[in-house]
Amino acid sequence: MRLVHQSAFLFLAALLASTGCQQDTASPGPTTPAAPSVAAPVARFDGTYRGTFRLTRDSGRCGAPTIQRSMTVTNGQARLVYDVDQGFSASGTVDDSGRFELIGRGASAIVRIEGRISGNDARGVFESRSCGYDVHLSRPADGRRL
């Protein structure tokens, strides 16, 4: 019986060798999985950006046509309180190109604020189910918090 197994093994080895398949005899050694890529915090946009939201779309429940708001950015994390009376805020990120995207939940809707920071100006849009605003915020030239 042992001779049959050896013969079968030799036959398979010869068959594999003839078809170009060879057993890899090199020891592969330990493999280390690649570490996930983690973006470094973006600090160059840090600061407090203050300015206006100008109403562009109104379902009749949006309030004043122009409101003053501020957005704080710290290490690529952004936060903006959009309804001061209710304490509703949106938070999100600023990437290394200055693009920001914030999401928040209000009393009856989800809001989205997105745009781009260029130099000391942040421009974008605020959208909810019932309201839309153009956003223009700026920070002091030295980037400090106000």
N, C-alpha and C. Protein backbone atom coordinates (compact mmCIF):
# COMPACT_ATOMS: atom_id res chain seq x y z
N MET A 1 0.82 -1.18 0.00
CA MET A 1 0.00 0.00 0.00
C MET A 1 0.87 1.26 0.00
N ARG A 2 1.95 1.22 0.76
CA ARG A 2 2.85 2.35 0.83
C ARG A 2 3.46 2.64 -0.53
N LEU A 3 3.79 1.62 -1.28
CA LEU A 3 4.37 1.77 -2.60
C LEU A 3 3.38 2.42 -3.55
N VAL A 4 2.08 2.12 -3.40
CA VAL A 4 1.06 2.72 -4.24
C VAL A 4 0.98 4.23 -3.97
N HIS A 5 1.03 4.61 -2.70
CA HIS A 5 0.98 6.05 -2.36
C HIS A 5 2.20 6.78 -2.88
N GLN A 6 3.38 6.18 -2.75
CA GLN A 6 4.59 6.80 -3.25
C GLN A 6 4.53 6.93 -4.76
N SER A 7 4.04 5.93 -5.43
CA SER A 7 3.93 5.97 -6.89
C SER A 7 2.96 7.05 -7.32
N ALA A 8 1.84 7.15 -6.62
CA ALA A 8 0.84 8.17 -6.95
C ALA A 8 1.42 9.56 -6.73
N PHE A 9 2.17 9.74 -5.65
CA PHE A 9 2.78 11.03 -5.36
C PHE A 9 3.79 11.40 -6.45
N LEU A 10 4.64 10.47 -6.84
CA LEU A 10 5.62 10.72 -7.88
C LEU A 10 4.94 11.04 -9.21
N PHE A 11 3.84 10.32 -9.51
CA PHE A 11 3.11 10.57 -10.74
C PHE A 11 2.55 12.00 -10.75
N LEU A 12 1.94 12.41 -9.64
CA LEU A 12 1.39 13.77 -9.55
C LEU A 12 2.48 14.83 -9.63
N ALA A 13 3.61 14.59 -8.99
CA ALA A 13 4.73 15.53 -9.04
C ALA A 13 5.25 15.67 -10.46
N ALA A 14 5.36 14.56 -11.17
CA ALA A 14 5.82 14.60 -12.56
C ALA A 14 4.80 15.32 -13.43
N LEU A 15 3.51 15.07 -13.19
CA LEU A 15 2.46 15.72 -13.97
C LEU A 15 2.49 17.22 -13.77
N LEU A 16 2.62 17.66 -12.53
CA LEU A 16 2.68 19.09 -12.24
C LEU A 16 3.92 19.72 -12.85
N ALA A 17 5.04 19.06 -12.79
CA ALA A 17 6.28 19.59 -13.37
C ALA A 17 6.16 19.71 -14.88
N SER A 18 5.48 18.78 -15.50
CA SER A 18 5.36 18.82 -16.96
C SER A 18 4.38 19.89 -17.44
N THR A 19 3.47 20.33 -16.58
CA THR A 19 2.52 21.38 -16.97
C THR A 19 3.01 22.76 -16.57
N GLY A 20 4.21 22.83 -16.05
CA GLY A 20 4.76 24.13 -15.68
C GLY A 20 4.46 24.52 -14.25
N CYS A 21 3.70 23.74 -13.51
CA CYS A 21 3.39 24.04 -12.11
C CYS A 21 4.49 23.45 -11.26
N GLN A 22 5.10 24.24 -10.44
CA GLN A 22 6.13 23.74 -9.56
C GLN A 22 5.82 24.17 -8.16
N GLN A 23 6.22 23.36 -7.23
CA GLN A 23 6.01 23.69 -5.83
C GLN A 23 7.01 24.74 -5.43
N ASP A 24 6.56 25.74 -4.74
CA ASP A 24 7.44 26.80 -4.25
C ASP A 24 8.11 26.29 -2.99
N THR A 25 9.43 26.12 -3.07
CA THR A 25 10.15 25.58 -1.92
C THR A 25 10.72 26.68 -1.04
N ALA A 26 10.66 27.92 -1.51
CA ALA A 26 11.17 29.03 -0.70
C ALA A 26 10.21 29.31 0.44
N SER A 27 10.77 29.55 1.59
CA SER A 27 9.94 29.86 2.75
C SER A 27 9.45 31.29 2.64
N PRO A 28 8.13 31.50 2.64
CA PRO A 28 7.63 32.85 2.46
C PRO A 28 7.91 33.77 3.64
N GLY A 29 8.16 33.23 4.79
CA GLY A 29 8.40 34.06 5.96
C GLY A 29 7.11 34.68 6.45
N PRO A 30 7.16 35.37 7.55
CA PRO A 30 5.94 35.97 8.09
C PRO A 30 5.47 37.12 7.20
N THR A 31 4.18 37.24 7.11
CA THR A 31 3.61 38.35 6.35
C THR A 31 2.96 39.31 7.33
N THR A 32 3.14 40.57 7.04
CA THR A 32 2.55 41.62 7.88
C THR A 32 1.50 42.33 7.05
N PRO A 33 0.26 42.36 7.52
CA PRO A 33 -0.76 43.08 6.74
C PRO A 33 -0.42 44.56 6.67
N ALA A 34 -0.75 45.15 5.55
CA ALA A 34 -0.49 46.57 5.38
C ALA A 34 -1.36 47.37 6.35
N ALA A 35 -0.76 48.36 6.95
CA ALA A 35 -1.50 49.21 7.88
C ALA A 35 -2.45 50.08 7.08
N PRO A 36 -3.66 50.31 7.58
CA PRO A 36 -4.58 51.18 6.86
C PRO A 36 -4.02 52.59 6.79
N SER A 37 -4.29 53.25 5.68
CA SER A 37 -3.83 54.61 5.49
C SER A 37 -4.70 55.55 6.32
N VAL A 38 -4.08 56.33 7.17
CA VAL A 38 -4.80 57.28 8.00
C VAL A 38 -4.33 58.68 7.62
N ALA A 39 -5.26 59.50 7.23
CA ALA A 39 -4.91 60.86 6.84
C ALA A 39 -4.45 61.64 8.05
N ALA A 40 -3.40 62.40 7.86
CA ALA A 40 -2.90 63.24 8.93
C ALA A 40 -3.89 64.39 9.16
N PRO A 41 -4.01 64.83 10.40
CA PRO A 41 -4.90 65.97 10.65
C PRO A 41 -4.48 67.18 9.83
N VAL A 42 -5.46 67.93 9.38
CA VAL A 42 -5.21 69.12 8.57
C VAL A 42 -5.35 70.33 9.48
N ALA A 43 -4.23 70.92 9.85
CA ALA A 43 -4.26 72.04 10.80
C ALA A 43 -4.23 73.41 10.12
N ARG A 44 -3.88 73.48 8.84
CA ARG A 44 -3.72 74.81 8.22
C ARG A 44 -5.03 75.56 8.06
N PHE A 45 -6.16 74.87 8.21
CA PHE A 45 -7.46 75.54 8.12
C PHE A 45 -8.04 75.85 9.49
N ASP A 46 -7.29 75.56 10.56
CA ASP A 46 -7.77 75.78 11.92
C ASP A 46 -8.15 77.24 12.13
N GLY A 47 -9.21 77.44 12.89
CA GLY A 47 -9.63 78.78 13.25
C GLY A 47 -11.15 78.87 13.31
N THR A 48 -11.62 80.06 13.58
CA THR A 48 -13.05 80.32 13.62
C THR A 48 -13.42 81.20 12.43
N TYR A 49 -14.32 80.71 11.63
CA TYR A 49 -14.80 81.40 10.44
C TYR A 49 -16.17 81.99 10.76
N ARG A 50 -16.32 83.29 10.59
CA ARG A 50 -17.59 83.96 10.88
C ARG A 50 -18.13 84.62 9.63
N GLY A 51 -19.45 84.65 9.54
CA GLY A 51 -20.03 85.33 8.38
C GLY A 51 -21.51 85.07 8.24
N THR A 52 -21.98 85.10 7.00
CA THR A 52 -23.41 85.10 6.74
C THR A 52 -23.89 83.85 5.99
N PHE A 53 -25.13 83.53 6.29
CA PHE A 53 -25.93 82.58 5.52
C PHE A 53 -27.00 83.43 4.84
N ARG A 54 -27.10 83.39 3.52
CA ARG A 54 -28.11 84.14 2.78
C ARG A 54 -29.13 83.16 2.21
N LEU A 55 -30.38 83.39 2.54
CA LEU A 55 -31.47 82.50 2.14
C LEU A 55 -31.61 82.44 0.62
N THR A 56 -31.64 81.22 0.06
CA THR A 56 -31.82 81.04 -1.38
C THR A 56 -33.07 80.21 -1.69
N ARG A 57 -33.56 79.47 -0.71
CA ARG A 57 -34.76 78.65 -0.90
C ARG A 57 -35.50 78.59 0.43
N ASP A 58 -36.81 78.90 0.39
CA ASP A 58 -37.59 79.01 1.63
C ASP A 58 -38.96 78.35 1.44
N SER A 59 -39.28 77.44 2.33
CA SER A 59 -40.60 76.79 2.31
C SER A 59 -41.61 77.56 3.17
N GLY A 60 -41.18 78.70 3.71
CA GLY A 60 -42.04 79.47 4.59
C GLY A 60 -41.71 79.28 6.05
N ARG A 61 -40.72 78.42 6.36
CA ARG A 61 -40.37 78.14 7.76
C ARG A 61 -38.91 78.42 8.07
N CYS A 62 -38.24 79.20 7.24
CA CYS A 62 -36.79 79.31 7.37
C CYS A 62 -36.29 80.49 8.20
N GLY A 63 -37.11 81.45 8.47
CA GLY A 63 -36.65 82.56 9.29
C GLY A 63 -36.04 83.68 8.47
N ALA A 64 -35.08 84.36 9.07
CA ALA A 64 -34.50 85.57 8.48
C ALA A 64 -33.78 85.27 7.16
N PRO A 65 -33.82 86.23 6.23
CA PRO A 65 -33.15 86.01 4.95
C PRO A 65 -31.63 86.02 5.04
N THR A 66 -31.09 86.65 6.09
CA THR A 66 -29.65 86.65 6.33
C THR A 66 -29.42 86.39 7.80
N ILE A 67 -28.56 85.43 8.09
CA ILE A 67 -28.23 85.12 9.49
C ILE A 67 -26.71 85.05 9.65
N GLN A 68 -26.26 85.39 10.83
CA GLN A 68 -24.83 85.34 11.15
C GLN A 68 -24.52 84.02 11.86
N ARG A 69 -23.47 83.35 11.40
CA ARG A 69 -23.06 82.08 12.01
C ARG A 69 -21.54 82.00 12.04
N SER A 70 -21.02 81.04 12.79
CA SER A 70 -19.58 80.79 12.81
C SER A 70 -19.32 79.29 12.79
N MET A 71 -18.20 78.94 12.18
CA MET A 71 -17.77 77.54 12.08
C MET A 71 -16.38 77.45 12.68
N THR A 72 -16.17 76.49 13.54
CA THR A 72 -14.86 76.28 14.15
C THR A 72 -14.22 75.04 13.54
N VAL A 73 -12.96 75.19 13.15
CA VAL A 73 -12.20 74.08 12.57
C VAL A 73 -10.98 73.84 13.44
N THR A 74 -10.79 72.58 13.85
CA THR A 74 -9.64 72.17 14.64
C THR A 74 -9.14 70.83 14.12
N ASN A 75 -7.91 70.81 13.63
CA ASN A 75 -7.29 69.58 13.12
C ASN A 75 -8.17 68.82 12.14
N GLY A 76 -8.78 69.53 11.21
CA GLY A 76 -9.59 68.89 10.19
C GLY A 76 -11.00 68.53 10.62
N GLN A 77 -11.38 68.85 11.85
CA GLN A 77 -12.74 68.60 12.34
C GLN A 77 -13.46 69.94 12.42
N ALA A 78 -14.65 69.99 11.82
CA ALA A 78 -15.40 71.24 11.76
C ALA A 78 -16.71 71.10 12.51
N ARG A 79 -17.17 72.20 13.11
CA ARG A 79 -18.45 72.23 13.83
C ARG A 79 -19.08 73.60 13.63
N LEU A 80 -20.38 73.58 13.39
CA LEU A 80 -21.12 74.82 13.18
C LEU A 80 -22.49 74.67 13.85
N VAL A 81 -22.83 75.62 14.72
CA VAL A 81 -24.17 75.65 15.32
C VAL A 81 -25.05 76.44 14.36
N TYR A 82 -26.03 75.78 13.76
CA TYR A 82 -26.86 76.47 12.76
C TYR A 82 -28.19 76.94 13.32
N ASP A 83 -28.65 76.39 14.43
CA ASP A 83 -29.86 76.89 15.07
C ASP A 83 -29.52 77.18 16.52
N VAL A 84 -29.15 78.42 16.77
CA VAL A 84 -28.68 78.83 18.09
C VAL A 84 -29.76 78.63 19.15
N ASP A 85 -31.01 78.98 18.83
CA ASP A 85 -32.10 78.86 19.81
C ASP A 85 -32.34 77.41 20.23
N GLN A 86 -32.29 76.49 19.28
CA GLN A 86 -32.53 75.06 19.56
C GLN A 86 -31.25 74.31 19.92
N GLY A 87 -30.09 74.91 19.65
CA GLY A 87 -28.81 74.25 19.93
C GLY A 87 -28.45 73.18 18.90
N PHE A 88 -29.02 73.24 17.70
CA PHE A 88 -28.72 72.25 16.67
C PHE A 88 -27.40 72.60 16.00
N SER A 89 -26.57 71.59 15.82
CA SER A 89 -25.27 71.81 15.19
C SER A 89 -25.02 70.76 14.12
N ALA A 90 -24.04 71.06 13.29
CA ALA A 90 -23.58 70.13 12.27
C ALA A 90 -22.08 69.96 12.47
N SER A 91 -21.59 68.78 12.21
CA SER A 91 -20.16 68.54 12.35
C SER A 91 -19.69 67.69 11.18
N GLY A 92 -18.40 67.77 10.92
CA GLY A 92 -17.83 67.01 9.83
C GLY A 92 -16.34 67.26 9.71
N THR A 93 -15.83 67.16 8.50
CA THR A 93 -14.39 67.23 8.29
C THR A 93 -14.04 68.26 7.21
N VAL A 94 -12.77 68.67 7.27
CA VAL A 94 -12.15 69.50 6.24
C VAL A 94 -10.97 68.69 5.72
N ASP A 95 -10.93 68.44 4.40
CA ASP A 95 -9.82 67.65 3.87
C ASP A 95 -8.63 68.54 3.54
N ASP A 96 -7.55 67.95 3.06
CA ASP A 96 -6.32 68.72 2.83
C ASP A 96 -6.42 69.70 1.67
N SER A 97 -7.48 69.60 0.86
CA SER A 97 -7.68 70.59 -0.20
C SER A 97 -8.59 71.73 0.25
N GLY A 98 -9.13 71.64 1.48
CA GLY A 98 -10.02 72.68 2.01
C GLY A 98 -11.49 72.36 1.85
N ARG A 99 -11.81 71.24 1.22
CA ARG A 99 -13.22 70.87 1.05
C ARG A 99 -13.80 70.45 2.39
N PHE A 100 -14.98 70.99 2.72
CA PHE A 100 -15.63 70.61 3.99
C PHE A 100 -17.01 70.05 3.72
N GLU A 101 -17.42 69.17 4.61
CA GLU A 101 -18.75 68.58 4.57
C GLU A 101 -19.19 68.32 6.00
N LEU A 102 -20.31 68.93 6.37
CA LEU A 102 -20.85 68.80 7.71
C LEU A 102 -22.28 68.28 7.61
N ILE A 103 -22.65 67.43 8.53
CA ILE A 103 -23.99 66.87 8.59
C ILE A 103 -24.54 67.13 9.99
N GLY A 104 -25.82 67.47 10.07
CA GLY A 104 -26.46 67.68 11.36
C GLY A 104 -27.91 67.24 11.31
N ARG A 105 -28.49 67.06 12.46
CA ARG A 105 -29.89 66.66 12.56
C ARG A 105 -30.64 67.74 13.34
N GLY A 106 -31.68 68.26 12.71
CA GLY A 106 -32.51 69.26 13.35
C GLY A 106 -33.74 68.62 13.96
N ALA A 107 -34.73 69.45 14.27
CA ALA A 107 -35.95 68.96 14.88
C ALA A 107 -36.71 68.01 13.95
N SER A 108 -36.68 68.29 12.65
CA SER A 108 -37.45 67.46 11.72
C SER A 108 -36.70 67.11 10.44
N ALA A 109 -35.43 67.45 10.36
CA ALA A 109 -34.72 67.19 9.10
C ALA A 109 -33.22 67.04 9.33
N ILE A 110 -32.60 66.43 8.37
CA ILE A 110 -31.14 66.35 8.34
C ILE A 110 -30.65 67.51 7.49
N VAL A 111 -29.58 68.16 7.94
CA VAL A 111 -29.02 69.27 7.19
C VAL A 111 -27.62 68.90 6.71
N ARG A 112 -27.24 69.52 5.62
CA ARG A 112 -25.92 69.28 5.03
C ARG A 112 -25.32 70.64 4.68
N ILE A 113 -24.07 70.83 5.09
CA ILE A 113 -23.34 72.05 4.77
C ILE A 113 -22.06 71.59 4.09
N GLU A 114 -21.85 72.09 2.88
CA GLU A 114 -20.63 71.70 2.18
C GLU A 114 -20.07 72.87 1.40
N GLY A 115 -18.78 72.84 1.18
CA GLY A 115 -18.12 73.90 0.45
C GLY A 115 -16.62 73.72 0.47
N ARG A 116 -15.92 74.84 0.32
CA ARG A 116 -14.45 74.80 0.26
C ARG A 116 -13.88 76.03 0.96
N ILE A 117 -12.77 75.80 1.66
CA ILE A 117 -12.01 76.89 2.27
C ILE A 117 -10.86 77.21 1.33
N SER A 118 -10.70 78.47 1.03
CA SER A 118 -9.58 78.93 0.21
C SER A 118 -9.00 80.15 0.90
N GLY A 119 -7.76 80.04 1.31
CA GLY A 119 -7.16 81.12 2.09
C GLY A 119 -7.91 81.26 3.40
N ASN A 120 -8.48 82.43 3.63
CA ASN A 120 -9.23 82.68 4.86
C ASN A 120 -10.73 82.73 4.63
N ASP A 121 -11.19 82.33 3.45
CA ASP A 121 -12.62 82.35 3.13
C ASP A 121 -13.17 80.94 3.00
N ALA A 122 -14.35 80.73 3.57
CA ALA A 122 -15.08 79.47 3.42
C ALA A 122 -16.39 79.79 2.72
N ARG A 123 -16.60 79.18 1.58
CA ARG A 123 -17.83 79.39 0.82
C ARG A 123 -18.48 78.05 0.56
N GLY A 124 -19.82 78.06 0.61
CA GLY A 124 -20.52 76.81 0.35
C GLY A 124 -22.03 76.99 0.37
N VAL A 125 -22.71 75.89 0.64
CA VAL A 125 -24.17 75.90 0.70
C VAL A 125 -24.64 75.12 1.92
N PHE A 126 -25.79 75.55 2.41
CA PHE A 126 -26.50 74.88 3.49
C PHE A 126 -27.79 74.37 2.88
N GLU A 127 -28.09 73.09 3.06
CA GLU A 127 -29.31 72.51 2.51
C GLU A 127 -30.03 71.69 3.56
N SER A 128 -31.33 71.90 3.66
CA SER A 128 -32.20 71.03 4.45
C SER A 128 -33.43 70.77 3.59
N ARG A 129 -34.35 70.01 4.12
CA ARG A 129 -35.55 69.70 3.35
C ARG A 129 -36.34 70.96 2.99
N SER A 130 -36.33 71.95 3.89
CA SER A 130 -37.18 73.12 3.66
C SER A 130 -36.43 74.42 3.37
N CYS A 131 -35.11 74.46 3.60
CA CYS A 131 -34.36 75.71 3.44
C CYS A 131 -33.05 75.50 2.70
N GLY A 132 -32.63 76.54 2.02
CA GLY A 132 -31.33 76.56 1.39
C GLY A 132 -30.67 77.91 1.61
N TYR A 133 -29.38 77.90 1.87
CA TYR A 133 -28.63 79.14 2.10
C TYR A 133 -27.30 79.08 1.35
N ASP A 134 -26.85 80.23 0.84
CA ASP A 134 -25.47 80.38 0.42
C ASP A 134 -24.68 80.74 1.67
N VAL A 135 -23.51 80.17 1.82
CA VAL A 135 -22.68 80.38 3.01
C VAL A 135 -21.41 81.11 2.62
N HIS A 136 -21.09 82.18 3.34
CA HIS A 136 -19.83 82.89 3.17
C HIS A 136 -19.30 83.24 4.55
N LEU A 137 -18.19 82.59 4.92
CA LEU A 137 -17.57 82.80 6.22
C LEU A 137 -16.10 83.16 6.00
N SER A 138 -15.52 83.89 6.95
CA SER A 138 -14.09 84.19 6.85
C SER A 138 -13.47 84.19 8.25
N ARG A 139 -12.17 84.01 8.28
CA ARG A 139 -11.42 84.05 9.55
C ARG A 139 -10.40 85.17 9.47
N PRO A 140 -9.91 85.61 10.61
CA PRO A 140 -8.87 86.65 10.59
C PRO A 140 -7.67 86.18 9.78
N ALA A 141 -6.93 87.11 9.23
CA ALA A 141 -5.80 86.79 8.38
C ALA A 141 -4.76 85.92 9.09
N ASP A 142 -4.63 86.05 10.41
CA ASP A 142 -3.65 85.24 11.12
C ASP A 142 -4.22 83.87 11.51
N GLY A 143 -5.49 83.59 11.18
CA GLY A 143 -6.10 82.29 11.43
C GLY A 143 -6.50 82.03 12.86
N ARG A 144 -6.35 83.00 13.73
CA ARG A 144 -6.66 82.76 15.15
C ARG A 144 -8.15 82.63 15.39
N ARG A 145 -8.48 82.05 16.51
CA ARG A 145 -9.88 81.95 16.91
C ARG A 145 -10.33 83.30 17.43
N LEU A 146 -11.58 83.62 17.17
CA LEU A 146 -12.13 84.89 17.67
C LEU A 146 -12.85 84.68 18.96
